[in-house]
């Protein structure tokens, strides 16, 4: 999993596509922290000056408005006599021991961390081996997402064996930030850490990326081509087809050659998210949503046939490129950089064209297409309200002699300034407080700003020695994230264009929260069975969709066989287990 530059929380069906290739230049591991903006300030000089700032630097860092936004509820230091906690954590490109934030937080809490760092690709294997051997540390932290995701089912299993400590009582007495800030704003977070036995073994990670709620619904269209041809944005399926036809036939890139590709995509970015939505609610793989409380699947609906037929029509009309199903990101970006693409899906434009944040370019002429009206006039954009929440990032083992201290130390990471330091790095070096005149991504008064680095600086491949790259515990609410100052022209700010596009083009047609499914917490037996069923069902659905769109299978005539095969693969059992888990969570 690449480092996330748009601040998204990895996880979910399409997460592998949230790469950093769209960023300006190449960022070092220290720089690759968050945001669609320019690289944060530099790397290079060691930590001595960070740990021993000048009097002026120290005064500036102590004089912060953090208390105005989210006052600290702990008394620091947490202990008078220094204590040590042992933590197992994935590497994730971070120098955990020699790290400015690590040192600052140790000074703040008077808690020293003895790190056991495991390489990302083998992190889960190492965790399981250590737990099996009986020789493991006090805390397991940061197993947030693939390739080292510690699933709720695994947490529940180890909790049931007594290896992970129930935290319910400690949360009540040692976690004021969790109770005062996190739960009131994100009450769903507690459901996502409450296991089937009623115990809470892990603390939640909340990182609410607004535009990520619409990830599978994003289709970017080349507005410069629309203007060149005197066209307006389509609102219906027929209008969109006409726009694509004009892109193909009327030389909108002006090079005199019929080389335009009206619509395309790449492996890992299926088109069904946007193009099925006019016909049926569709959140994207694994295609589950709730209808009046009942968990169902988009591919079970009649609209799935209509959506397949529409994509087939675009392909047969040479409006959808056949390479959309096989080309990789390097190949599609080559097309995008040569001004040959009319429309394509992606988290950001940089998934298919070079993105130079803060400077106008081809990328900034691609804006989000609003959802198209289906046969019944419905315009729909499926919104994933629960995208922000992960519940598997901090567990206390039975080796810990002071679980209350461990929970208090973890709870401190939810604080406002602490979260900024953990995310970005050192104040007045990597980020600063807003000056009172700046506006945030949402146009409201900004609270903080990243400090841009030198875009021409050479690549630094060393580990991040300033921050924690959003691994582990974090509380970044939607309003927190959107309060980052915009330092360049909003029309060339990737984050602003993402926000505006989702706010103006997608949210007005967004589905309601009661349609969204949670990340269900299964019992161990349920988890095994769901994994087995989902693998074969998803593979079959993807295979059939490809055959239908390419005309090798008639979607309408073969509908009965399709549903019969799903039944034989266990679709009824699969949906029943999903329903049971959601009902148990009180969803």
Protein backbone atom coordinates (compact mmCIF):
# COMPACT_ATOMS: atom_id res chain seq x y z
CA UNK A 1 0.00 0.00 0.00
CA UNK A 2 1.56 3.32 -1.04
CA UNK A 3 1.69 6.24 1.37
CA UNK A 4 -1.54 8.21 1.20
CA UNK A 5 -1.02 11.73 -0.06
CA UNK A 6 -4.66 12.74 -0.16
CA UNK A 7 -5.08 12.00 3.52
CA UNK A 8 -7.39 9.08 2.94
CA UNK A 9 -7.69 6.25 5.32
CA UNK A 10 -6.59 3.12 3.49
CA UNK A 11 -9.06 0.29 3.42
CA UNK A 12 -11.98 -0.74 1.24
CA UNK A 13 -12.51 -2.28 -2.14
CA UNK A 14 -10.85 0.42 -4.21
CA UNK A 15 -8.19 1.51 -1.80
CA UNK A 16 -5.31 0.14 -3.83
CA UNK A 17 -6.01 2.85 -6.40
CA UNK A 18 -5.41 5.69 -3.98
CA UNK A 19 -1.83 6.11 -4.98
CA UNK A 20 0.57 9.00 -4.68
CA UNK A 21 1.48 9.12 -8.37
CA UNK A 22 -0.59 12.23 -8.94
CA UNK A 23 1.45 14.38 -6.59
CA UNK A 24 3.77 17.09 -7.74
CA UNK A 25 7.15 15.49 -8.21
CA UNK A 26 8.28 12.72 -5.92
CA UNK A 27 8.02 13.05 -2.17
CA UNK A 28 10.27 11.60 0.46
CA UNK A 29 8.81 9.33 3.09
CA UNK A 30 8.97 12.19 5.52
CA UNK A 31 7.17 14.44 3.04
CA UNK A 32 4.55 11.91 1.99
CA UNK A 33 2.25 12.59 4.88
CA UNK A 34 -1.09 14.02 3.77
CA UNK A 35 -2.90 16.45 1.58
CA UNK A 36 -3.29 17.02 -2.12
CA UNK A 37 -1.02 20.02 -1.88
CA UNK A 38 2.66 20.65 -2.34
CA UNK A 39 5.39 18.82 -0.44
CA UNK A 40 5.83 19.74 3.18
CA UNK A 41 9.05 21.23 4.40
CA UNK A 42 12.25 19.38 4.15
CA UNK A 43 14.25 16.65 5.57
CA UNK A 44 17.86 16.28 6.03
CA UNK A 45 19.23 17.82 9.15
CA UNK A 46 18.95 15.33 12.07
CA UNK A 47 16.84 15.88 15.17
CA UNK A 48 19.06 17.82 17.55
CA UNK A 49 17.68 21.20 16.54
CA UNK A 50 14.12 19.86 16.79
CA UNK A 51 14.67 18.56 20.31
CA UNK A 52 16.59 21.67 21.35
CA UNK A 53 14.88 24.63 19.69
CA UNK A 54 16.06 28.19 20.04
CA UNK A 55 14.20 30.31 22.64
CA UNK A 56 12.25 31.99 19.85
CA UNK A 57 11.26 28.65 18.32
CA UNK A 58 10.30 27.28 21.71
CA UNK A 59 8.14 30.30 22.49
CA UNK A 60 6.32 30.07 19.18
CA UNK A 61 5.65 26.37 19.64
CA UNK A 62 4.26 26.86 23.12
CA UNK A 63 2.01 29.73 22.08
CA UNK A 64 -0.70 27.90 20.15
CA UNK A 65 -4.46 28.31 19.77
CA UNK A 66 -5.10 24.60 20.18
CA UNK A 67 -7.16 25.16 23.32
CA UNK A 68 -9.58 27.29 21.32
CA UNK A 69 -10.50 24.35 19.12
CA UNK A 70 -10.33 21.25 21.27
CA UNK A 71 -8.91 21.77 24.78
CA UNK A 72 -6.72 19.05 26.25
CA UNK A 73 -8.51 17.04 28.93
CA UNK A 74 -5.45 15.29 30.39
CA UNK A 75 -3.04 16.70 32.95
CA UNK A 76 0.53 16.36 31.73
CA UNK A 77 2.80 14.65 32.32
CA UNK A 78 0.65 11.57 32.71
CA UNK A 79 3.07 10.17 35.30
CA UNK A 80 5.66 11.88 37.49
CA UNK A 81 8.17 9.07 37.29
CA UNK A 82 8.97 8.05 33.72
CA UNK A 83 7.34 4.82 32.64
CA UNK A 84 8.08 2.57 29.66
CA UNK A 85 5.54 0.89 27.41
CA UNK A 86 6.55 -1.65 24.77
CA UNK A 87 4.80 -1.25 21.40
CA UNK A 88 4.72 -3.51 18.33
CA UNK A 89 4.16 -1.52 15.14
CA UNK A 90 4.63 -1.82 11.34
CA UNK A 91 7.52 0.09 9.80
CA UNK A 92 5.42 2.17 7.35
CA UNK A 93 8.45 4.23 6.31
CA UNK A 94 8.81 5.84 9.73
CA UNK A 95 11.82 6.17 12.00
CA UNK A 96 9.81 5.47 15.14
CA UNK A 97 12.58 5.82 17.71
CA UNK A 98 14.38 8.84 16.23
CA UNK A 99 11.31 10.85 15.39
CA UNK A 100 10.43 14.42 16.33
CA UNK A 101 6.84 13.59 17.21
CA UNK A 102 7.83 10.52 19.20
CA UNK A 103 10.24 12.63 21.24
CA UNK A 104 7.75 15.47 21.73
CA UNK A 105 5.05 13.07 22.91
CA UNK A 106 7.43 11.35 25.29
CA UNK A 107 8.37 14.73 26.79
CA UNK A 108 4.68 15.60 27.07
CA UNK A 109 3.51 12.37 28.69
CA UNK A 110 6.70 11.21 30.45
CA UNK A 111 6.06 7.82 28.88
CA UNK A 112 8.93 6.23 26.98
CA UNK A 113 8.11 3.84 24.14
CA UNK A 114 10.26 0.83 23.45
CA UNK A 115 9.48 0.07 19.82
CA UNK A 116 9.40 -3.33 18.17
CA UNK A 117 9.19 -2.49 14.47
CA UNK A 118 8.19 -5.13 11.91
CA UNK A 119 8.37 -4.78 8.14
CA UNK A 120 5.03 -4.08 6.49
CA UNK A 121 4.83 -7.18 4.27
CA UNK A 122 5.43 -9.61 7.15
CA UNK A 123 3.90 -7.57 9.97
CA UNK A 124 0.86 -9.78 10.50
CA UNK A 125 2.96 -12.93 10.37
CA UNK A 126 5.34 -11.52 12.96
CA UNK A 127 2.45 -10.47 15.19
CA UNK A 128 0.90 -13.92 15.07
CA UNK A 129 4.24 -15.60 15.74
CA UNK A 130 4.91 -13.40 18.75
CA UNK A 131 1.44 -13.95 20.18
CA UNK A 132 1.83 -17.71 19.70
CA UNK A 133 5.25 -17.71 21.38
CA UNK A 134 4.02 -15.89 24.47
CA UNK A 135 6.74 -13.26 24.07
CA UNK A 136 5.06 -10.06 22.94
CA UNK A 137 4.91 -6.39 24.04
CA UNK A 138 2.37 -4.38 26.02
CA UNK A 139 0.65 -2.78 23.04
CA UNK A 140 -0.08 -3.62 19.42
CA UNK A 141 -0.61 -0.42 17.43
CA UNK A 142 -0.88 0.76 13.87
CA UNK A 143 -2.13 -2.39 12.15
CA UNK A 144 -4.60 -0.10 10.39
CA UNK A 145 -4.87 -1.35 6.84
CA UNK A 146 -3.54 -3.69 4.15
CA UNK A 147 -1.06 -5.31 3.94
CA UNK A 148 -1.04 -5.53 7.72
CA UNK A 149 -4.66 -5.01 8.73
CA UNK A 150 -5.55 -6.53 12.09
CA UNK A 151 -9.21 -7.26 11.47
CA UNK A 152 -11.92 -6.94 14.11
CA UNK A 153 -12.48 -10.69 13.84
CA UNK A 154 -8.85 -11.38 14.71
CA UNK A 155 -8.98 -8.90 17.56
CA UNK A 156 -12.12 -10.59 18.87
CA UNK A 157 -10.47 -14.01 18.65
CA UNK A 158 -7.36 -12.97 20.55
CA UNK A 159 -9.52 -11.10 23.05
CA UNK A 160 -11.53 -14.23 23.65
CA UNK A 161 -8.29 -16.08 24.38
CA UNK A 162 -7.31 -13.49 26.97
CA UNK A 163 -4.31 -12.16 25.04
CA UNK A 164 -5.94 -8.75 24.44
CA UNK A 165 -7.35 -6.85 27.41
CA UNK A 166 -10.98 -5.59 27.47
CA UNK A 167 -10.79 -1.80 27.60
CA UNK A 168 -14.39 -0.93 28.53
CA UNK A 169 -13.64 0.05 32.13
CA UNK A 170 -10.41 1.85 31.24
CA UNK A 171 -12.16 3.89 28.57
CA UNK A 172 -14.66 5.06 31.15
CA UNK A 173 -11.95 6.35 33.50
CA UNK A 174 -8.82 7.07 31.42
CA UNK A 175 -10.07 8.30 28.03
CA UNK A 176 -11.68 11.75 28.38
CA UNK A 177 -10.89 12.75 24.78
CA UNK A 178 -12.53 9.60 23.46
CA UNK A 179 -15.67 10.25 25.49
CA UNK A 180 -15.83 14.03 25.08
CA UNK A 181 -14.70 14.57 21.50
CA UNK A 182 -14.66 11.37 19.47
CA UNK A 183 -17.94 9.67 20.44
CA UNK A 184 -20.24 12.73 20.38
CA UNK A 185 -19.14 13.57 16.85
CA UNK A 186 -18.75 9.98 15.61
CA UNK A 187 -21.00 7.74 17.72
CA UNK A 188 -20.67 5.00 15.10
CA UNK A 189 -17.03 4.61 16.15
CA UNK A 190 -18.01 2.71 19.30
CA UNK A 191 -20.05 0.22 17.30
CA UNK A 192 -17.00 -0.49 15.20
CA UNK A 193 -14.87 -1.42 18.21
CA UNK A 194 -17.49 -3.37 20.15
CA UNK A 195 -16.99 -7.07 19.56
CA UNK A 196 -19.75 -9.71 19.43
CA UNK A 197 -19.04 -10.56 23.09
CA UNK A 198 -19.77 -6.94 24.07
CA UNK A 199 -16.15 -6.16 24.91
CA UNK A 200 -14.04 -3.36 23.47
CA UNK A 201 -10.47 -4.51 22.80
CA UNK A 202 -9.29 -1.68 20.52
CA UNK A 203 -9.56 2.08 20.18
CA UNK A 204 -10.95 3.62 16.98
CA UNK A 205 -9.09 5.63 14.37
CA UNK A 206 -11.22 8.42 12.87
CA UNK A 207 -9.96 10.20 9.76
CA UNK A 208 -12.93 11.75 8.00
CA UNK A 209 -11.98 12.50 4.41
CA UNK A 210 -15.04 14.19 2.90
CA UNK A 211 -14.30 13.51 -0.75
CA UNK A 212 -13.42 9.88 0.03
CA UNK A 213 -17.08 9.29 0.85
CA UNK A 214 -17.74 9.51 -2.90
CA UNK A 215 -14.66 7.66 -4.14
CA UNK A 216 -16.42 5.04 -6.26
CA UNK A 217 -18.77 7.65 -7.76
CA UNK A 218 -16.16 10.02 -9.21
CA UNK A 219 -15.94 10.51 -12.96
CA UNK A 220 -13.73 13.35 -14.20
CA UNK A 221 -14.64 15.07 -17.47
CA UNK A 222 -12.45 17.30 -19.63
CA UNK A 223 -14.20 20.67 -19.36
CA UNK A 224 -11.78 22.34 -21.78
CA UNK A 225 -13.09 19.98 -24.47
CA UNK A 226 -16.67 20.88 -23.54
CA UNK A 227 -15.84 24.57 -23.92
CA UNK A 228 -13.96 24.03 -27.17
CA UNK A 229 -17.01 22.34 -28.66
CA UNK A 230 -19.56 24.70 -27.12
CA UNK A 231 -21.12 21.92 -25.05
CA UNK A 232 -22.58 21.91 -21.56
CA UNK A 233 -22.23 19.15 -19.00
CA UNK A 234 -24.59 16.24 -19.56
CA UNK A 235 -27.38 15.49 -17.10
CA UNK A 236 -28.89 12.41 -18.74
CA UNK A 237 -27.54 9.18 -20.19
CA UNK A 238 -28.42 10.21 -23.75
CA UNK A 239 -26.79 13.63 -23.31
CA UNK A 240 -23.65 12.00 -21.96
CA UNK A 241 -23.46 9.65 -24.91
CA UNK A 242 -23.82 12.65 -27.23
CA UNK A 243 -20.96 14.42 -25.43
CA UNK A 244 -18.74 11.37 -25.85
CA UNK A 245 -19.68 11.20 -29.55
CA UNK A 246 -18.64 14.82 -29.97
CA UNK A 247 -15.37 14.11 -28.19
CA UNK A 248 -14.70 11.30 -30.66
CA UNK A 249 -15.69 13.06 -33.88
CA UNK A 250 -14.95 16.78 -33.45
CA UNK A 251 -11.22 16.92 -32.60
CA UNK A 252 -11.56 18.77 -29.28
CA UNK A 253 -7.82 18.55 -28.55
CA UNK A 254 -7.20 20.42 -31.78
CA UNK A 255 -4.30 18.38 -33.11
CA UNK A 256 -5.99 17.47 -36.38
CA UNK A 257 -5.84 13.78 -35.61
CA UNK A 258 -8.76 11.54 -34.59
CA UNK A 259 -6.88 10.31 -31.54
CA UNK A 260 -9.30 11.34 -28.79
CA UNK A 261 -10.44 8.64 -26.35
CA UNK A 262 -13.88 9.76 -25.12
CA UNK A 263 -14.04 7.48 -22.05
CA UNK A 264 -11.49 5.16 -20.51
CA UNK A 265 -10.27 3.67 -17.25
CA UNK A 266 -7.59 1.32 -15.90
CA UNK A 267 -7.25 -1.89 -13.94
CA UNK A 268 -8.38 -1.38 -10.37
CA UNK A 269 -10.81 1.37 -11.34
CA UNK A 270 -14.05 -0.29 -12.46
CA UNK A 271 -16.58 1.88 -14.24
CA UNK A 272 -19.61 0.36 -12.53
CA UNK A 273 -19.55 2.77 -9.56
CA UNK A 274 -20.59 5.76 -11.66
CA UNK A 275 -22.42 4.06 -14.52
CA UNK A 276 -24.60 1.65 -12.55
CA UNK A 277 -25.83 4.41 -10.24
CA UNK A 278 -28.40 5.82 -12.72
CA UNK A 279 -30.04 2.39 -12.68
CA UNK A 280 -29.56 1.05 -9.14
CA UNK A 281 -27.90 2.12 -5.88
CA UNK A 282 -24.29 0.96 -6.20
CA UNK A 283 -21.54 1.69 -3.67
CA UNK A 284 -18.98 -0.32 -5.63
CA UNK A 285 -17.33 -3.58 -4.67
CA UNK A 286 -18.52 -5.59 -2.75
CA UNK A 287 -21.68 -3.79 -3.92
CA UNK A 288 -23.66 -4.05 -0.67
CA UNK A 289 -26.14 -1.49 0.59
CA UNK A 290 -29.19 -1.35 2.81
CA UNK A 291 -32.74 -1.03 1.57
CA UNK A 292 -35.16 -0.27 4.42
CA UNK A 293 -32.70 -1.93 6.80
CA UNK A 294 -32.20 -5.01 4.66
CA UNK A 295 -28.70 -5.74 3.35
CA UNK A 296 -28.82 -6.38 -0.38
CA UNK A 297 -26.48 -6.30 -3.38
CA UNK A 298 -26.54 -3.99 -6.39
CA UNK A 299 -25.93 -6.85 -8.83
CA UNK A 300 -29.13 -8.56 -7.65
CA UNK A 301 -31.20 -5.64 -8.97
CA UNK A 302 -32.76 -5.35 -12.42
CA UNK A 303 -30.94 -2.05 -12.89
CA UNK A 304 -27.65 -3.95 -13.04
CA UNK A 305 -28.73 -5.35 -16.42
CA UNK A 306 -29.55 -1.87 -17.72
CA UNK A 307 -26.23 -0.50 -16.54
CA UNK A 308 -24.37 -3.38 -18.22
CA UNK A 309 -26.22 -2.73 -21.44
CA UNK A 310 -25.42 1.00 -21.34
CA UNK A 311 -21.70 0.33 -20.94
CA UNK A 312 -21.91 -2.23 -23.75
CA UNK A 313 -23.52 0.39 -25.99
CA UNK A 314 -20.70 2.84 -25.26
CA UNK A 315 -18.10 0.18 -26.04
CA UNK A 316 -19.77 -0.89 -29.27
CA UNK A 317 -20.04 2.76 -30.30
CA UNK A 318 -16.28 3.20 -29.82
CA UNK A 319 -16.97 5.73 -27.08
CA UNK A 320 -15.53 3.53 -24.31
CA UNK A 321 -12.00 2.31 -24.91
CA UNK A 322 -11.56 -1.48 -24.78
CA UNK A 323 -8.23 -0.80 -23.04
CA UNK A 324 -10.21 0.55 -20.06
CA UNK A 325 -10.26 -2.95 -18.58
CA UNK A 326 -6.59 -3.85 -19.03
CA UNK A 327 -4.30 -0.80 -19.08
CA UNK A 328 -2.33 0.25 -16.03
CA UNK A 329 -1.83 3.65 -14.46
CA UNK A 330 1.37 4.37 -16.37
CA UNK A 331 -0.36 3.71 -19.67
CA UNK A 332 -3.44 5.79 -18.93
CA UNK A 333 -1.33 8.65 -17.58
CA UNK A 334 0.62 8.69 -20.83
CA UNK A 335 -2.66 9.21 -22.67
CA UNK A 336 -3.82 11.85 -20.21
CA UNK A 337 -0.61 13.83 -20.41
CA UNK A 338 -1.00 13.95 -24.20
CA UNK A 339 -4.51 15.42 -23.94
CA UNK A 340 -6.22 12.38 -25.39
CA UNK A 341 -8.73 11.54 -22.60
CA UNK A 342 -12.23 12.96 -22.40
CA UNK A 343 -13.44 11.29 -19.20
CA UNK A 344 -12.08 8.81 -16.66
CA UNK A 345 -12.74 7.70 -13.07
CA UNK A 346 -10.30 8.22 -10.21
CA UNK A 347 -9.88 9.50 -6.66
CA UNK A 348 -8.21 12.58 -8.13
CA UNK A 349 -7.27 13.70 -11.62
CA UNK A 350 -3.72 12.55 -10.93
CA UNK A 351 -4.82 8.96 -11.35
CA UNK A 352 -4.74 9.52 -15.13
CA UNK A 353 -2.93 12.84 -15.79
CA UNK A 354 0.00 14.60 -14.15
CA UNK A 355 -1.23 16.75 -11.27
CA UNK A 356 0.77 19.88 -10.48
CA UNK A 357 -0.99 21.25 -7.42
CA UNK A 358 -1.02 25.03 -7.29
CA UNK A 359 -0.35 25.43 -11.01
CA UNK A 360 -2.92 25.28 -13.79
CA UNK A 361 -2.54 22.47 -16.28
CA UNK A 362 -4.42 19.74 -18.08
CA UNK A 363 -5.26 18.22 -14.71
CA UNK A 364 -7.18 21.31 -13.55
CA UNK A 365 -9.45 21.23 -16.62
CA UNK A 366 -10.82 17.87 -15.47
CA UNK A 367 -13.74 18.46 -13.11
CA UNK A 368 -16.24 16.08 -11.55
CA UNK A 369 -19.21 15.03 -13.65
CA UNK A 370 -22.53 15.13 -11.81
CA UNK A 371 -24.50 11.86 -11.75
CA UNK A 372 -26.67 11.16 -14.77
CA UNK A 373 -30.42 10.73 -14.65
CA UNK A 374 -31.53 7.15 -15.10
CA UNK A 375 -34.56 5.88 -16.99
CA UNK A 376 -36.85 6.95 -14.15
CA UNK A 377 -35.19 10.36 -13.83
CA UNK A 378 -33.25 9.47 -10.67
CA UNK A 379 -29.81 11.04 -10.27
CA UNK A 380 -27.85 9.22 -7.59
CA UNK A 381 -24.37 9.30 -6.07
CA UNK A 382 -23.75 6.64 -3.45
CA UNK A 383 -22.20 8.16 -0.34
CA UNK A 384 -20.13 6.08 2.09
CA UNK A 385 -20.76 7.87 5.40
CA UNK A 386 -18.75 5.37 7.43
CA UNK A 387 -15.60 5.58 5.33
CA UNK A 388 -13.87 7.54 8.11
CA UNK A 389 -13.90 4.96 10.84
CA UNK A 390 -11.46 2.16 11.59
CA UNK A 391 -11.58 0.22 14.81
CA UNK A 392 -8.47 -1.90 14.79
CA UNK A 393 -5.48 0.29 15.53
CA UNK A 394 -4.62 0.05 19.24
CA UNK A 395 -4.89 -2.97 21.52
CA UNK A 396 -3.45 -3.62 24.97
CA UNK A 397 -2.12 -7.11 25.66
CA UNK A 398 -2.19 -9.09 28.86
CA UNK A 399 1.55 -8.37 29.26
CA UNK A 400 0.83 -4.74 30.09
CA UNK A 401 1.21 -4.00 33.80
CA UNK A 402 -0.64 -0.67 33.62
CA UNK A 403 -3.50 -0.76 31.07
CA UNK A 404 -4.94 2.47 32.47
CA UNK A 405 -1.72 4.32 31.60
CA UNK A 406 -1.66 2.70 28.15
CA UNK A 407 -5.21 3.90 27.46
CA UNK A 408 -4.48 7.41 28.75
CA UNK A 409 -1.36 7.58 26.55
CA UNK A 410 -3.44 6.48 23.56
CA UNK A 411 -6.28 8.87 24.36
CA UNK A 412 -3.87 11.80 24.30
CA UNK A 413 -3.29 11.12 20.62
CA UNK A 414 -6.85 12.26 19.92
CA UNK A 415 -6.00 15.84 20.95
CA UNK A 416 -6.06 18.58 18.33
CA UNK A 417 -2.46 19.82 18.34
CA UNK A 418 -1.13 16.35 19.06
CA UNK A 419 -2.96 15.07 15.98
CA UNK A 420 -1.52 17.85 13.82
CA UNK A 421 1.99 17.06 15.02
CA UNK A 422 1.48 13.32 14.45
CA UNK A 423 0.11 13.98 10.96
CA UNK A 424 2.37 16.74 9.63
CA UNK A 425 5.41 17.04 11.91
CA UNK A 426 7.04 19.98 13.69
CA UNK A 427 5.18 23.29 14.17
CA UNK A 428 6.69 26.22 12.23
CA UNK A 429 8.72 23.73 10.23
CA UNK A 430 6.18 21.39 8.66
CA UNK A 431 2.98 23.24 9.58
CA UNK A 432 1.81 26.37 11.40
CA UNK A 433 -1.33 27.87 12.87
CA UNK A 434 -3.39 29.94 10.43
CA UNK A 435 -2.76 33.68 10.55
CA UNK A 436 -6.41 34.70 10.95
CA UNK A 437 -6.86 35.91 7.37
CA UNK A 438 -6.61 32.60 5.56
CA UNK A 439 -9.50 30.46 4.37
CA UNK A 440 -9.76 26.70 4.61
CA UNK A 441 -10.60 24.14 1.93
CA UNK A 442 -14.31 24.68 2.61
CA UNK A 443 -14.05 28.48 2.42
CA UNK A 444 -14.42 28.91 6.18
CA UNK A 445 -11.68 30.50 8.35
CA UNK A 446 -8.63 28.26 8.37
CA UNK A 447 -7.13 26.88 11.58
CA UNK A 448 -3.78 25.62 10.35
CA UNK A 449 -1.57 25.54 7.30
CA UNK A 450 1.05 23.19 5.97
CA UNK A 451 4.37 24.82 5.13
CA UNK A 452 5.36 24.05 1.54
CA UNK A 453 8.81 22.71 0.90
CA UNK A 454 11.06 23.25 -2.08
CA UNK A 455 9.45 21.44 -5.05
CA UNK A 456 12.89 21.26 -6.68
CA UNK A 457 14.56 19.59 -3.73
CA UNK A 458 16.07 16.19 -4.51
CA UNK A 459 14.19 13.11 -3.46
CA UNK A 460 14.86 11.97 0.08
CA UNK A 461 14.17 8.26 0.46
CA UNK A 462 14.95 8.19 4.16
CA UNK A 463 12.36 7.29 6.76
CA UNK A 464 10.03 9.96 8.07
CA UNK A 465 11.67 11.43 11.16
CA UNK A 466 9.10 14.15 11.85
CA UNK A 467 5.64 12.53 12.04
CA UNK A 468 3.77 9.22 12.08
CA UNK A 469 2.18 9.26 8.58
CA UNK A 470 -1.33 8.85 10.05
CA UNK A 471 -0.57 5.37 11.35
CA UNK A 472 -1.99 4.41 14.73
CA UNK A 473 -4.54 6.44 16.62
CA UNK A 474 -5.82 9.66 15.15
CA UNK A 475 -8.87 11.90 15.37
CA UNK A 476 -9.16 14.06 12.25
CA UNK A 477 -12.79 15.07 11.89
CA UNK A 478 -14.23 16.35 8.64
CA UNK A 479 -14.20 19.93 9.91
CA UNK A 480 -10.60 19.52 11.13
CA UNK A 481 -9.39 18.38 7.73
CA UNK A 482 -11.27 21.07 5.84
CA UNK A 483 -9.82 23.80 8.08
CA UNK A 484 -6.41 23.54 6.38
CA UNK A 485 -5.46 26.86 4.78
CA UNK A 486 -5.45 27.10 1.00
CA UNK A 487 -2.19 28.81 0.04
CA UNK A 488 -2.64 29.03 -3.72
CA UNK A 489 -5.37 29.91 -6.23
CA UNK A 490 -8.41 27.82 -5.24
CA UNK A 491 -8.95 27.00 -8.91
CA UNK A 492 -5.58 25.23 -8.99
CA UNK A 493 -5.84 23.64 -5.53
CA UNK A 494 -6.44 19.90 -5.78
CA UNK A 495 -8.11 19.78 -2.37
CA UNK A 496 -10.42 22.69 -3.16
CA UNK A 497 -11.44 21.19 -6.52
CA UNK A 498 -12.13 17.88 -4.79
CA UNK A 499 -14.22 19.59 -2.11
CA UNK A 500 -16.13 21.82 -4.51
CA UNK A 501 -16.74 19.01 -6.95
CA UNK A 502 -18.15 16.69 -4.32
CA UNK A 503 -20.11 19.44 -2.59
CA UNK A 504 -21.66 20.89 -5.74
CA UNK A 505 -21.84 17.95 -8.14
CA UNK A 506 -22.20 14.80 -6.01
CA UNK A 507 -23.58 15.60 -2.55
CA UNK A 508 -26.86 17.11 -3.86
CA UNK A 509 -27.60 13.66 -5.30
CA UNK A 510 -26.04 11.68 -2.47
CA UNK A 511 -27.74 8.67 -0.94
CA UNK A 512 -28.80 8.79 2.70
CA UNK A 513 -26.85 7.37 5.62
CA UNK A 514 -29.38 4.62 6.26
CA UNK A 515 -28.39 3.05 2.93
CA UNK A 516 -24.73 2.74 3.86
CA UNK A 517 -23.40 -0.50 5.29
CA UNK A 518 -20.95 -0.62 8.17
CA UNK A 519 -17.71 -2.53 8.26
CA UNK A 520 -19.37 -5.48 9.94
CA UNK A 521 -17.83 -7.29 12.88
CA UNK A 522 -18.22 -11.01 12.45
CA UNK A 523 -17.76 -13.88 14.84
CA UNK A 524 -14.74 -16.05 13.87
CA UNK A 525 -16.97 -18.65 12.23
CA UNK A 526 -18.92 -15.98 10.34
CA UNK A 527 -15.72 -14.33 9.17
CA UNK A 528 -14.35 -17.55 7.70
CA UNK A 529 -17.56 -18.28 5.85
CA UNK A 530 -18.04 -14.71 4.58
CA UNK A 531 -14.49 -14.65 3.26
CA UNK A 532 -15.06 -17.90 1.38
CA UNK A 533 -18.36 -16.77 -0.09
CA UNK A 534 -17.29 -13.24 -0.94
CA UNK A 535 -14.24 -14.42 -2.85
CA UNK A 536 -16.19 -16.64 -5.22
CA UNK A 537 -19.21 -14.35 -5.53
CA UNK A 538 -17.18 -11.22 -6.25
CA UNK A 539 -15.06 -13.07 -8.77
CA UNK A 540 -18.15 -14.31 -10.56
CA UNK A 541 -19.81 -10.87 -10.59
CA UNK A 542 -16.69 -9.21 -12.02
CA UNK A 543 -16.26 -11.93 -14.63
CA UNK A 544 -19.88 -11.70 -15.76
CA UNK A 545 -19.87 -7.91 -15.90
CA UNK A 546 -16.82 -7.97 -18.17
CA UNK A 547 -18.48 -10.56 -20.41
CA UNK A 548 -21.71 -8.57 -20.52
CA UNK A 549 -20.04 -5.24 -21.33
CA UNK A 550 -17.87 -6.78 -24.05
CA UNK A 551 -20.90 -8.48 -25.61
CA UNK A 552 -19.83 -12.05 -24.95
CA UNK A 553 -22.87 -12.63 -22.74
CA UNK A 554 -26.32 -11.14 -23.21
CA UNK A 555 -27.06 -9.55 -19.83
CA UNK A 556 -30.82 -9.61 -20.31
CA UNK A 557 -31.21 -13.07 -21.78
CA UNK A 558 -28.76 -14.52 -19.29
CA UNK A 559 -30.26 -12.86 -16.24
CA UNK A 560 -31.93 -16.01 -14.96
CA UNK A 561 -28.76 -18.05 -15.28
CA UNK A 562 -26.81 -15.27 -13.54
CA UNK A 563 -29.13 -15.28 -10.52
CA UNK A 564 -29.24 -19.07 -10.43
CA UNK A 565 -25.46 -19.24 -10.36
CA UNK A 566 -25.30 -16.65 -7.57
CA UNK A 567 -27.72 -18.80 -5.61
CA UNK A 568 -25.58 -21.87 -6.13
CA UNK A 569 -22.53 -19.91 -4.97
CA UNK A 570 -24.29 -19.08 -1.70
CA UNK A 571 -25.61 -15.54 -2.14
CA UNK A 572 -28.52 -16.09 0.25
CA UNK A 573 -26.21 -17.34 3.01
CA UNK A 574 -23.76 -14.51 2.33
CA UNK A 575 -26.41 -11.80 2.64
CA UNK A 576 -27.89 -13.51 5.72
CA UNK A 577 -24.55 -13.42 7.56
CA UNK A 578 -24.10 -9.77 6.59
CA UNK A 579 -27.58 -8.99 7.88
CA UNK A 580 -26.96 -10.80 11.16
CA UNK A 581 -23.77 -8.85 11.76
CA UNK A 582 -25.43 -5.52 11.01
CA UNK A 583 -28.39 -6.30 13.24
CA UNK A 584 -26.06 -7.30 16.07
CA UNK A 585 -24.22 -3.98 15.75
CA UNK A 586 -27.51 -2.11 16.00
CA UNK A 587 -27.01 -0.66 12.53
